[in-house]
PDB file of N, CA and C in Angstrom:
ATOM      1  N   UNK A   1    -124.759 -98.888 -72.574  1.00  0.00           N
ATOM      2  CA  UNK A   1    -124.237 -98.568 -71.458  1.00  0.00           C
ATOM      3  C   UNK A   1    -124.377 -97.224 -70.804  1.00  0.00           C
ATOM      4  N   UNK A   2    -125.144 -96.352 -69.901  1.00  0.00           N
ATOM      5  CA  UNK A   2    -124.634 -95.107 -69.781  1.00  0.00           C
ATOM      6  C   UNK A   2    -123.394 -95.032 -68.974  1.00  0.00           C
ATOM      7  N   UNK A   3    -122.719 -93.730 -69.006  1.00  0.00           N
ATOM      8  CA  UNK A   3    -121.579 -93.663 -68.106  1.00  0.00           C
ATOM      9  C   UNK A   3    -122.038 -93.792 -66.526  1.00  0.00           C
ATOM     10  N   UNK A   4    -120.763 -94.451 -65.596  1.00  0.00           N
ATOM     11  CA  UNK A   4    -120.974 -94.229 -64.670  1.00  0.00           C
ATOM     12  C   UNK A   4    -120.525 -92.867 -63.955  1.00  0.00           C
ATOM     13  N   UNK A   5    -121.405 -92.560 -63.006  1.00  0.00           N
ATOM     14  CA  UNK A   5    -121.057 -91.336 -62.235  1.00  0.00           C
ATOM     15  C   UNK A   5    -120.408 -91.530 -60.900  1.00  0.00           C
ATOM     16  N   UNK A   6    -118.975 -91.548 -60.832  1.00  0.00           N
ATOM     17  CA  UNK A   6    -118.434 -91.569 -59.541  1.00  0.00           C
ATOM     18  C   UNK A   6    -117.919 -90.347 -58.825  1.00  0.00           C
ATOM     19  N   UNK A   7    -118.571 -90.673 -57.479  1.00  0.00           N
ATOM     20  CA  UNK A   7    -118.282 -89.279 -56.717  1.00  0.00           C
ATOM     21  C   UNK A   7    -116.964 -89.645 -55.401  1.00  0.00           C
ATOM     22  N   UNK A   8    -115.931 -88.767 -55.615  1.00  0.00           N
ATOM     23  CA  UNK A   8    -115.280 -89.142 -54.232  1.00  0.00           C
ATOM     24  C   UNK A   8    -115.483 -87.852 -53.088  1.00  0.00           C
ATOM     25  N   UNK A   9    -115.789 -88.734 -52.208  1.00  0.00           N
ATOM     26  CA  UNK A   9    -115.763 -87.646 -50.744  1.00  0.00           C
ATOM     27  C   UNK A   9    -114.547 -87.371 -50.174  1.00  0.00           C
ATOM     28  N   UNK A  10    -114.333 -86.133 -49.892  1.00  0.00           N
ATOM     29  CA  UNK A  10    -112.687 -85.824 -49.036  1.00  0.00           C
ATOM     30  C   UNK A  10    -112.891 -85.949 -47.909  1.00  0.00           C
ATOM     31  N   UNK A  11    -112.409 -86.650 -47.293  1.00  0.00           N
ATOM     32  CA  UNK A  11    -112.036 -86.684 -45.506  1.00  0.00           C
ATOM     33  C   UNK A  11    -111.728 -85.387 -45.403  1.00  0.00           C
ATOM     34  N   UNK A  12    -112.372 -85.066 -44.002  1.00  0.00           N
ATOM     35  CA  UNK A  12    -111.545 -83.715 -43.389  1.00  0.00           C
ATOM     36  C   UNK A  12    -110.250 -83.802 -43.066  1.00  0.00           C
ATOM     37  N   UNK A  13    -109.308 -83.305 -43.108  1.00  0.00           N
ATOM     38  CA  UNK A  13    -108.362 -83.120 -42.641  1.00  0.00           C
ATOM     39  C   UNK A  13    -108.367 -83.362 -41.123  1.00  0.00           C
ATOM     40  N   UNK A  14    -106.961 -83.831 -40.918  1.00  0.00           N
ATOM     41  CA  UNK A  14    -106.787 -83.653 -39.023  1.00  0.00           C
ATOM     42  C   UNK A  14    -106.697 -82.389 -38.728  1.00  0.00           C
ATOM     43  N   UNK A  15    -106.495 -81.658 -39.305  1.00  0.00           N
ATOM     44  CA  UNK A  15    -106.003 -80.080 -38.786  1.00  0.00           C
ATOM     45  C   UNK A  15    -107.110 -79.212 -38.868  1.00  0.00           C
ATOM     46  N   UNK A  16    -108.082 -79.544 -39.681  1.00  0.00           N
ATOM     47  CA  UNK A  16    -109.038 -79.046 -39.795  1.00  0.00           C
ATOM     48  C   UNK A  16    -109.892 -78.727 -38.215  1.00  0.00           C
ATOM     49  N   UNK A  17    -110.581 -77.760 -37.636  1.00  0.00           N
ATOM     50  CA  UNK A  17    -111.352 -77.808 -36.513  1.00  0.00           C
ATOM     51  C   UNK A  17    -112.735 -77.166 -36.771  1.00  0.00           C
ATOM     52  N   UNK A  18    -113.532 -77.919 -36.086  1.00  0.00           N
ATOM     53  CA  UNK A  18    -115.088 -77.084 -36.251  1.00  0.00           C
ATOM     54  C   UNK A  18    -115.429 -75.878 -35.831  1.00  0.00           C
ATOM     55  N   UNK A  19    -115.960 -75.177 -36.778  1.00  0.00           N
ATOM     56  CA  UNK A  19    -116.415 -73.493 -36.387  1.00  0.00           C
ATOM     57  C   UNK A  19    -116.782 -73.597 -35.064  1.00  0.00           C
ATOM     58  N   UNK A  20    -116.723 -72.850 -34.122  1.00  0.00           N
ATOM     59  CA  UNK A  20    -117.335 -72.932 -32.766  1.00  0.00           C
ATOM     60  C   UNK A  20    -118.862 -71.975 -33.168  1.00  0.00           C
ATOM     61  N   UNK A  21    -120.208 -72.582 -32.841  1.00  0.00           N
ATOM     62  CA  UNK A  21    -121.124 -71.851 -32.994  1.00  0.00           C
ATOM     63  C   UNK A  21    -121.854 -71.354 -31.733  1.00  0.00           C
ATOM     64  N   UNK A  22    -121.654 -70.144 -31.423  1.00  0.00           N
ATOM     65  CA  UNK A  22    -122.749 -69.431 -30.127  1.00  0.00           C
ATOM     66  C   UNK A  22    -123.741 -69.064 -30.121  1.00  0.00           C
ATOM     67  N   UNK A  23    -124.610 -68.644 -29.001  1.00  0.00           N
ATOM     68  CA  UNK A  23    -125.652 -68.284 -29.195  1.00  0.00           C
ATOM     69  C   UNK A  23    -125.939 -67.120 -29.258  1.00  0.00           C
ATOM     70  N   UNK A  24    -126.629 -65.838 -29.533  1.00  0.00           N
ATOM     71  CA  UNK A  24    -126.863 -64.498 -29.300  1.00  0.00           C
ATOM     72  C   UNK A  24    -126.309 -63.778 -28.023  1.00  0.00           C
ATOM     73  N   UNK A  25    -126.897 -64.832 -26.659  1.00  0.00           N
ATOM     74  CA  UNK A  25    -126.916 -64.324 -25.552  1.00  0.00           C
ATOM     75  C   UNK A  25    -125.298 -64.722 -25.289  1.00  0.00           C
ATOM     76  N   UNK A  26    -124.810 -65.998 -25.551  1.00  0.00           N
ATOM     77  CA  UNK A  26    -123.461 -66.122 -25.218  1.00  0.00           C
ATOM     78  C   UNK A  26    -122.261 -64.843 -26.308  1.00  0.00           C
ATOM     79  N   UNK A  27    -123.046 -64.586 -27.409  1.00  0.00           N
ATOM     80  CA  UNK A  27    -121.942 -63.768 -27.996  1.00  0.00           C
ATOM     81  C   UNK A  27    -121.975 -62.269 -27.315  1.00  0.00           C
ATOM     82  N   UNK A  28    -123.152 -61.680 -26.907  1.00  0.00           N
ATOM     83  CA  UNK A  28    -123.195 -60.556 -26.159  1.00  0.00           C
ATOM     84  C   UNK A  28    -122.239 -60.336 -24.828  1.00  0.00           C
ATOM     85  N   UNK A  29    -122.300 -61.599 -24.469  1.00  0.00           N
ATOM     86  CA  UNK A  29    -122.048 -61.756 -22.674  1.00  0.00           C
ATOM     87  C   UNK A  29    -120.354 -61.789 -23.001  1.00  0.00           C
ATOM     88  N   UNK A  30    -119.684 -62.779 -24.147  1.00  0.00           N
ATOM     89  CA  UNK A  30    -118.670 -63.162 -24.341  1.00  0.00           C
ATOM     90  C   UNK A  30    -117.631 -62.090 -25.702  1.00  0.00           C
ATOM     91  N   UNK A  31    -118.252 -61.130 -25.859  1.00  0.00           N
ATOM     92  CA  UNK A  31    -117.894 -60.378 -27.332  1.00  0.00           C
ATOM     93  C   UNK A  31    -116.141 -60.252 -27.380  1.00  0.00           C
ATOM     94  N   UNK A  32    -115.493 -59.892 -26.006  1.00  0.00           N
ATOM     95  CA  UNK A  32    -114.284 -59.682 -26.424  1.00  0.00           C
ATOM     96  C   UNK A  32    -113.477 -60.970 -26.316  1.00  0.00           C
ATOM     97  N   UNK A  33    -113.904 -61.875 -25.716  1.00  0.00           N
ATOM     98  CA  UNK A  33    -113.195 -63.221 -26.038  1.00  0.00           C
ATOM     99  C   UNK A  33    -113.354 -63.787 -27.194  1.00  0.00           C
ATOM    100  N   UNK A  34    -114.410 -63.414 -28.101  1.00  0.00           N
ATOM    101  CA  UNK A  34    -114.767 -64.202 -29.508  1.00  0.00           C
ATOM    102  C   UNK A  34    -114.123 -63.033 -30.343  1.00  0.00           C
ATOM    103  N   UNK A  35    -113.888 -62.176 -29.936  1.00  0.00           N
ATOM    104  CA  UNK A  35    -112.789 -61.135 -30.698  1.00  0.00           C
ATOM    105  C   UNK A  35    -111.597 -61.762 -30.845  1.00  0.00           C
ATOM    106  N   UNK A  36    -110.574 -61.899 -29.479  1.00  0.00           N
ATOM    107  CA  UNK A  36    -109.581 -62.510 -29.370  1.00  0.00           C
ATOM    108  C   UNK A  36    -109.412 -63.456 -30.517  1.00  0.00           C
ATOM    109  N   UNK A  37    -110.611 -64.788 -30.236  1.00  0.00           N
ATOM    110  CA  UNK A  37    -110.329 -65.290 -31.026  1.00  0.00           C
ATOM    111  C   UNK A  37    -110.221 -65.429 -33.060  1.00  0.00           C
ATOM    112  N   UNK A  38    -110.926 -64.324 -33.061  1.00  0.00           N
ATOM    113  CA  UNK A  38    -110.829 -63.666 -34.642  1.00  0.00           C
ATOM    114  C   UNK A  38    -109.852 -63.248 -34.702  1.00  0.00           C
ATOM    115  N   UNK A  39    -109.307 -62.770 -33.788  1.00  0.00           N
ATOM    116  CA  UNK A  39    -107.888 -61.801 -34.268  1.00  0.00           C
ATOM    117  C   UNK A  39    -107.205 -63.119 -34.522  1.00  0.00           C
ATOM    118  N   UNK A  40    -107.225 -64.171 -33.954  1.00  0.00           N
ATOM    119  CA  UNK A  40    -106.186 -65.325 -33.878  1.00  0.00           C
ATOM    120  C   UNK A  40    -106.599 -66.185 -35.244  1.00  0.00           C
ATOM    121  N   UNK A  41    -107.269 -65.530 -36.081  1.00  0.00           N
ATOM    122  CA  UNK A  41    -107.903 -66.494 -37.231  1.00  0.00           C
ATOM    123  C   UNK A  41    -108.551 -67.078 -37.388  1.00  0.00           C
ATOM    124  N   UNK A  42    -109.641 -67.706 -36.317  1.00  0.00           N
ATOM    125  CA  UNK A  42    -110.508 -68.253 -36.200  1.00  0.00           C
ATOM    126  C   UNK A  42    -111.936 -67.581 -36.797  1.00  0.00           C
ATOM    127  N   UNK A  43    -112.649 -68.297 -37.150  1.00  0.00           N
ATOM    128  CA  UNK A  43    -114.229 -68.258 -37.493  1.00  0.00           C
ATOM    129  C   UNK A  43    -114.967 -68.304 -36.529  1.00  0.00           C
ATOM    130  N   UNK A  44    -115.925 -67.606 -36.222  1.00  0.00           N
ATOM    131  CA  UNK A  44    -117.311 -67.922 -35.058  1.00  0.00           C
ATOM    132  C   UNK A  44    -118.548 -67.474 -35.615  1.00  0.00           C
ATOM    133  N   UNK A  45    -119.414 -68.683 -35.595  1.00  0.00           N
ATOM    134  CA  UNK A  45    -120.881 -68.754 -36.084  1.00  0.00           C
ATOM    135  C   UNK A  45    -121.468 -68.343 -34.830  1.00  0.00           C
ATOM    136  N   UNK A  46    -122.556 -66.812 -35.330  1.00  0.00           N
ATOM    137  CA  UNK A  46    -123.693 -66.719 -34.052  1.00  0.00           C
ATOM    138  C   UNK A  46    -124.483 -66.987 -34.411  1.00  0.00           C
ATOM    139  N   UNK A  47    -125.595 -67.403 -33.786  1.00  0.00           N
ATOM    140  CA  UNK A  47    -126.739 -68.558 -34.303  1.00  0.00           C
ATOM    141  C   UNK A  47    -128.139 -67.656 -33.139  1.00  0.00           C
ATOM    142  N   UNK A  48    -129.118 -67.767 -33.832  1.00  0.00           N
ATOM    143  CA  UNK A  48    -130.616 -67.202 -33.043  1.00  0.00           C
ATOM    144  C   UNK A  48    -131.476 -68.790 -33.119  1.00  0.00           C
ATOM    145  N   UNK A  49    -131.766 -69.409 -31.988  1.00  0.00           N
ATOM    146  CA  UNK A  49    -132.506 -70.554 -32.097  1.00  0.00           C
ATOM    147  C   UNK A  49    -132.114 -71.203 -32.740  1.00  0.00           C
ATOM    148  N   UNK A  50    -130.968 -71.574 -32.705  1.00  0.00           N
ATOM    149  CA  UNK A  50    -129.968 -72.844 -32.865  1.00  0.00           C
ATOM    150  C   UNK A  50    -129.754 -72.990 -34.756  1.00  0.00           C
ATOM    151  N   UNK A  51    -130.291 -71.485 -35.194  1.00  0.00           N
ATOM    152  CA  UNK A  51    -129.800 -71.649 -36.744  1.00  0.00           C
ATOM    153  C   UNK A  51    -128.687 -70.489 -36.775  1.00  0.00           C
ATOM    154  N   UNK A  52    -127.813 -70.518 -37.764  1.00  0.00           N
ATOM    155  CA  UNK A  52    -126.595 -69.913 -38.127  1.00  0.00           C
ATOM    156  C   UNK A  52    -127.186 -68.476 -38.896  1.00  0.00           C
ATOM    157  N   UNK A  53    -126.662 -67.414 -38.013  1.00  0.00           N
ATOM    158  CA  UNK A  53    -127.145 -66.204 -38.950  1.00  0.00           C
ATOM    159  C   UNK A  53    -126.082 -65.054 -38.934  1.00  0.00           C
ATOM    160  N   UNK A  54    -125.225 -65.257 -38.318  1.00  0.00           N
ATOM    161  CA  UNK A  54    -124.352 -64.422 -38.565  1.00  0.00           C
ATOM    162  C   UNK A  54    -122.455 -65.260 -38.612  1.00  0.00           C
ATOM    163  N   UNK A  55    -121.545 -64.675 -39.112  1.00  0.00           N
ATOM    164  CA  UNK A  55    -119.859 -65.270 -38.929  1.00  0.00           C
ATOM    165  C   UNK A  55    -119.127 -63.968 -39.059  1.00  0.00           C
ATOM    166  N   UNK A  56    -118.650 -64.436 -37.617  1.00  0.00           N
ATOM    167  CA  UNK A  56    -117.651 -63.415 -37.484  1.00  0.00           C
ATOM    168  C   UNK A  56    -116.027 -64.067 -37.809  1.00  0.00           C
ATOM    169  N   UNK A  57    -115.539 -63.220 -38.829  1.00  0.00           N
ATOM    170  CA  UNK A  57    -114.186 -63.517 -39.331  1.00  0.00           C
ATOM    171  C   UNK A  57    -113.325 -62.664 -39.541  1.00  0.00           C
ATOM    172  N   UNK A  58    -111.982 -62.879 -39.275  1.00  0.00           N
ATOM    173  CA  UNK A  58    -110.958 -61.502 -39.519  1.00  0.00           C
ATOM    174  C   UNK A  58    -110.961 -60.597 -40.516  1.00  0.00           C
ATOM    175  N   UNK A  59    -110.718 -59.540 -40.458  1.00  0.00           N
ATOM    176  CA  UNK A  59    -110.532 -58.484 -41.306  1.00  0.00           C
ATOM    177  C   UNK A  59    -109.403 -58.629 -41.830  1.00  0.00           C
ATOM    178  N   UNK A  60    -109.629 -59.108 -43.433  1.00  0.00           N
ATOM    179  CA  UNK A  60    -108.569 -59.035 -44.396  1.00  0.00           C
ATOM    180  C   UNK A  60    -107.749 -57.568 -44.480  1.00  0.00           C
ATOM    181  N   UNK A  61    -106.247 -57.265 -43.865  1.00  0.00           N
ATOM    182  CA  UNK A  61    -105.712 -55.933 -43.757  1.00  0.00           C
ATOM    183  C   UNK A  61    -105.858 -55.943 -45.245  1.00  0.00           C
ATOM    184  N   UNK A  62    -105.434 -54.519 -45.905  1.00  0.00           N
ATOM    185  CA  UNK A  62    -105.000 -54.131 -47.118  1.00  0.00           C
ATOM    186  C   UNK A  62    -103.704 -52.995 -46.794  1.00  0.00           C
ATOM    187  N   UNK A  63    -102.644 -53.349 -47.476  1.00  0.00           N
ATOM    188  CA  UNK A  63    -101.614 -52.785 -47.538  1.00  0.00           C
ATOM    189  C   UNK A  63    -101.552 -51.084 -47.745  1.00  0.00           C
ATOM    190  N   UNK A  64    -100.465 -50.543 -47.742  1.00  0.00           N
ATOM    191  CA  UNK A  64    -100.818 -49.101 -48.492  1.00  0.00           C
ATOM    192  C   UNK A  64    -101.092 -49.348 -49.849  1.00  0.00           C
ATOM    193  N   UNK A  65    -101.734 -48.140 -50.662  1.00  0.00           N
ATOM    194  CA  UNK A  65    -101.364 -48.621 -52.036  1.00  0.00           C
ATOM    195  C   UNK A  65    -100.092 -47.708 -52.414  1.00  0.00           C
ATOM    196  N   UNK A  66     -99.653 -48.826 -53.591  1.00  0.00           N
ATOM    197  CA  UNK A  66     -98.223 -48.165 -54.103  1.00  0.00           C
ATOM    198  C   UNK A  66     -98.300 -47.177 -55.479  1.00  0.00           C
ATOM    199  N   UNK A  67     -97.466 -46.446 -55.268  1.00  0.00           N
ATOM    200  CA  UNK A  67     -97.568 -45.610 -56.310  1.00  0.00           C
ATOM    201  C   UNK A  67     -97.245 -46.113 -57.523  1.00  0.00           C
ATOM    202  N   UNK A  68     -97.818 -46.177 -58.653  1.00  0.00           N
ATOM    203  CA  UNK A  68     -97.898 -46.460 -60.022  1.00  0.00           C
ATOM    204  C   UNK A  68     -98.622 -47.995 -60.123  1.00  0.00           C
ATOM    205  N   UNK A  69     -99.354 -47.803 -59.372  1.00  0.00           N
ATOM    206  CA  UNK A  69    -100.366 -49.106 -59.327  1.00  0.00           C
ATOM    207  C   UNK A  69    -101.467 -49.183 -60.172  1.00  0.00           C
ATOM    208  N   UNK A  70    -101.955 -48.125 -60.833  1.00  0.00           N
ATOM    209  CA  UNK A  70    -102.638 -47.924 -61.915  1.00  0.00           C
ATOM    210  C   UNK A  70    -102.456 -47.739 -63.061  1.00  0.00           C
ATOM    211  N   UNK A  71    -101.056 -48.001 -63.244  1.00  0.00           N
ATOM    212  CA  UNK A  71     -99.997 -47.612 -64.555  1.00  0.00           C
ATOM    213  C   UNK A  71    -100.658 -48.884 -65.612  1.00  0.00           C
ATOM    214  N   UNK A  72    -101.068 -48.402 -66.580  1.00  0.00           N
ATOM    215  CA  UNK A  72    -101.655 -49.092 -67.865  1.00  0.00           C
ATOM    216  C   UNK A  72    -103.037 -49.598 -67.852  1.00  0.00           C
ATOM    217  N   UNK A  73    -103.436 -48.967 -66.453  1.00  0.00           N
ATOM    218  CA  UNK A  73    -104.789 -49.795 -66.100  1.00  0.00           C
ATOM    219  C   UNK A  73    -106.403 -48.434 -66.897  1.00  0.00           C
ATOM    220  N   UNK A  74    -105.637 -47.362 -66.648  1.00  0.00           N
ATOM    221  CA  UNK A  74    -106.293 -45.989 -66.962  1.00  0.00           C
ATOM    222  C   UNK A  74    -105.609 -45.389 -68.649  1.00  0.00           C
ATOM    223  N   UNK A  75    -106.486 -45.119 -68.840  1.00  0.00           N
ATOM    224  CA  UNK A  75    -106.090 -44.448 -70.228  1.00  0.00           C
ATOM    225  C   UNK A  75    -106.975 -42.841 -70.451  1.00  0.00           C
ATOM    226  N   UNK A  76    -106.412 -42.210 -70.940  1.00  0.00           N
ATOM    227  CA  UNK A  76    -107.097 -40.609 -71.405  1.00  0.00           C
ATOM    228  C   UNK A  76    -107.011 -40.297 -72.748  1.00  0.00           C
ATOM    229  N   UNK A  77    -108.307 -39.816 -73.206  1.00  0.00           N
ATOM    230  CA  UNK A  77    -108.142 -39.749 -74.515  1.00  0.00           C
ATOM    231  C   UNK A  77    -107.727 -38.321 -74.650  1.00  0.00           C
ATOM    232  N   UNK A  78    -107.261 -38.127 -75.930  1.00  0.00           N
ATOM    233  CA  UNK A  78    -106.582 -36.571 -76.340  1.00  0.00           C
ATOM    234  C   UNK A  78    -107.773 -35.752 -76.237  1.00  0.00           C
ATOM    235  N   UNK A  79    -109.020 -35.882 -76.505  1.00  0.00           N
ATOM    236  CA  UNK A  79    -109.829 -35.234 -76.534  1.00  0.00           C
ATOM    237  C   UNK A  79    -110.353 -34.588 -75.291  1.00  0.00           C
ATOM    238  N   UNK A  80    -109.504 -35.161 -74.085  1.00  0.00           N
ATOM    239  CA  UNK A  80    -110.146 -34.711 -72.942  1.00  0.00           C
ATOM    240  C   UNK A  80    -109.490 -33.416 -72.294  1.00  0.00           C
ATOM    241  N   UNK A  81    -108.030 -32.997 -72.930  1.00  0.00           N
ATOM    242  CA  UNK A  81    -107.583 -31.960 -73.006  1.00  0.00           C
ATOM    243  C   UNK A  81    -108.004 -30.664 -74.297  1.00  0.00           C
ATOM    244  N   UNK A  82    -109.155 -30.770 -74.806  1.00  0.00           N
ATOM    245  CA  UNK A  82    -109.859 -30.191 -75.983  1.00  0.00           C
ATOM    246  C   UNK A  82    -110.468 -28.895 -75.173  1.00  0.00           C
ATOM    247  N   UNK A  83    -110.459 -27.650 -75.609  1.00  0.00           N
ATOM    248  CA  UNK A  83    -111.517 -26.714 -74.826  1.00  0.00           C
ATOM    249  C   UNK A  83    -112.984 -27.078 -74.658  1.00  0.00           C
ATOM    250  N   UNK A  84    -113.524 -26.479 -73.702  1.00  0.00           N
ATOM    251  CA  UNK A  84    -115.132 -27.188 -73.367  1.00  0.00           C
ATOM    252  C   UNK A  84    -116.012 -26.230 -74.235  1.00  0.00           C
ATOM    253  N   UNK A  85    -117.010 -26.459 -74.575  1.00  0.00           N
ATOM    254  CA  UNK A  85    -118.121 -25.747 -75.009  1.00  0.00           C
ATOM    255  C   UNK A  85    -118.291 -24.692 -74.598  1.00  0.00           C
ATOM    256  N   UNK A  86    -119.038 -23.288 -75.088  1.00  0.00           N
ATOM    257  CA  UNK A  86    -119.259 -22.496 -74.437  1.00  0.00           C
ATOM    258  C   UNK A  86    -120.275 -22.478 -73.078  1.00  0.00           C
ATOM    259  N   UNK A  87    -121.333 -22.988 -73.485  1.00  0.00           N
ATOM    260  CA  UNK A  87    -121.981 -23.404 -72.852  1.00  0.00           C
ATOM    261  C   UNK A  87    -121.983 -24.403 -71.806  1.00  0.00           C
ATOM    262  N   UNK A  88    -121.199 -25.233 -71.844  1.00  0.00           N
ATOM    263  CA  UNK A  88    -120.965 -26.140 -70.424  1.00  0.00           C
ATOM    264  C   UNK A  88    -119.461 -25.657 -69.832  1.00  0.00           C
ATOM    265  N   UNK A  89    -118.813 -24.492 -70.534  1.00  0.00           N
ATOM    266  CA  UNK A  89    -117.569 -23.411 -69.619  1.00  0.00           C
ATOM    267  C   UNK A  89    -118.821 -22.755 -68.742  1.00  0.00           C
ATOM    268  N   UNK A  90    -120.060 -21.989 -69.191  1.00  0.00           N
ATOM    269  CA  UNK A  90    -120.554 -20.988 -68.352  1.00  0.00           C
ATOM    270  C   UNK A  90    -121.107 -21.672 -67.112  1.00  0.00           C
ATOM    271  N   UNK A  91    -121.639 -23.048 -67.621  1.00  0.00           N
ATOM    272  CA  UNK A  91    -122.088 -24.091 -66.338  1.00  0.00           C
ATOM    273  C   UNK A  91    -121.224 -23.982 -65.248  1.00  0.00           C
ATOM    274  N   UNK A  92    -119.948 -24.294 -65.850  1.00  0.00           N
ATOM    275  CA  UNK A  92    -118.622 -24.494 -64.598  1.00  0.00           C
ATOM    276  C   UNK A  92    -118.500 -22.982 -64.150  1.00  0.00           C
ATOM    277  N   UNK A  93    -118.692 -22.245 -64.803  1.00  0.00           N
ATOM    278  CA  UNK A  93    -118.504 -20.742 -64.055  1.00  0.00           C
ATOM    279  C   UNK A  93    -119.727 -20.125 -63.549  1.00  0.00           C
ATOM    280  N   UNK A  94    -120.661 -20.778 -63.437  1.00  0.00           N
ATOM    281  CA  UNK A  94    -122.028 -20.220 -62.437  1.00  0.00           C
ATOM    282  C   UNK A  94    -122.661 -19.394 -63.354  1.00  0.00           C
ATOM    283  N   UNK A  95    -122.426 -19.151 -64.504  1.00  0.00           N
ATOM    284  CA  UNK A  95    -122.565 -18.381 -65.521  1.00  0.00           C
ATOM    285  C   UNK A  95    -124.518 -18.945 -66.147  1.00  0.00           C
TER     286      UNK A  95
END
């Protein structure tokens, strides 16, 4: 007897909300209101002829880079400090 395949379908959470879909004309006329929704963490789908074409989502803000965050990620070989060959040195100096 072949193994039985069992599929469990997850029920949507009560807290999940449907993503609003607006057409292009609505998006153009109500862009400021849609941006407020997006700033509040919501997504908005923009559709053309009832077909989704774009998604407005909040931008993930990045913090300032921390000093030393690349430590142990980059290594410089000792040959980096060797003198350049004459022809390469001349090229750098414009000769």
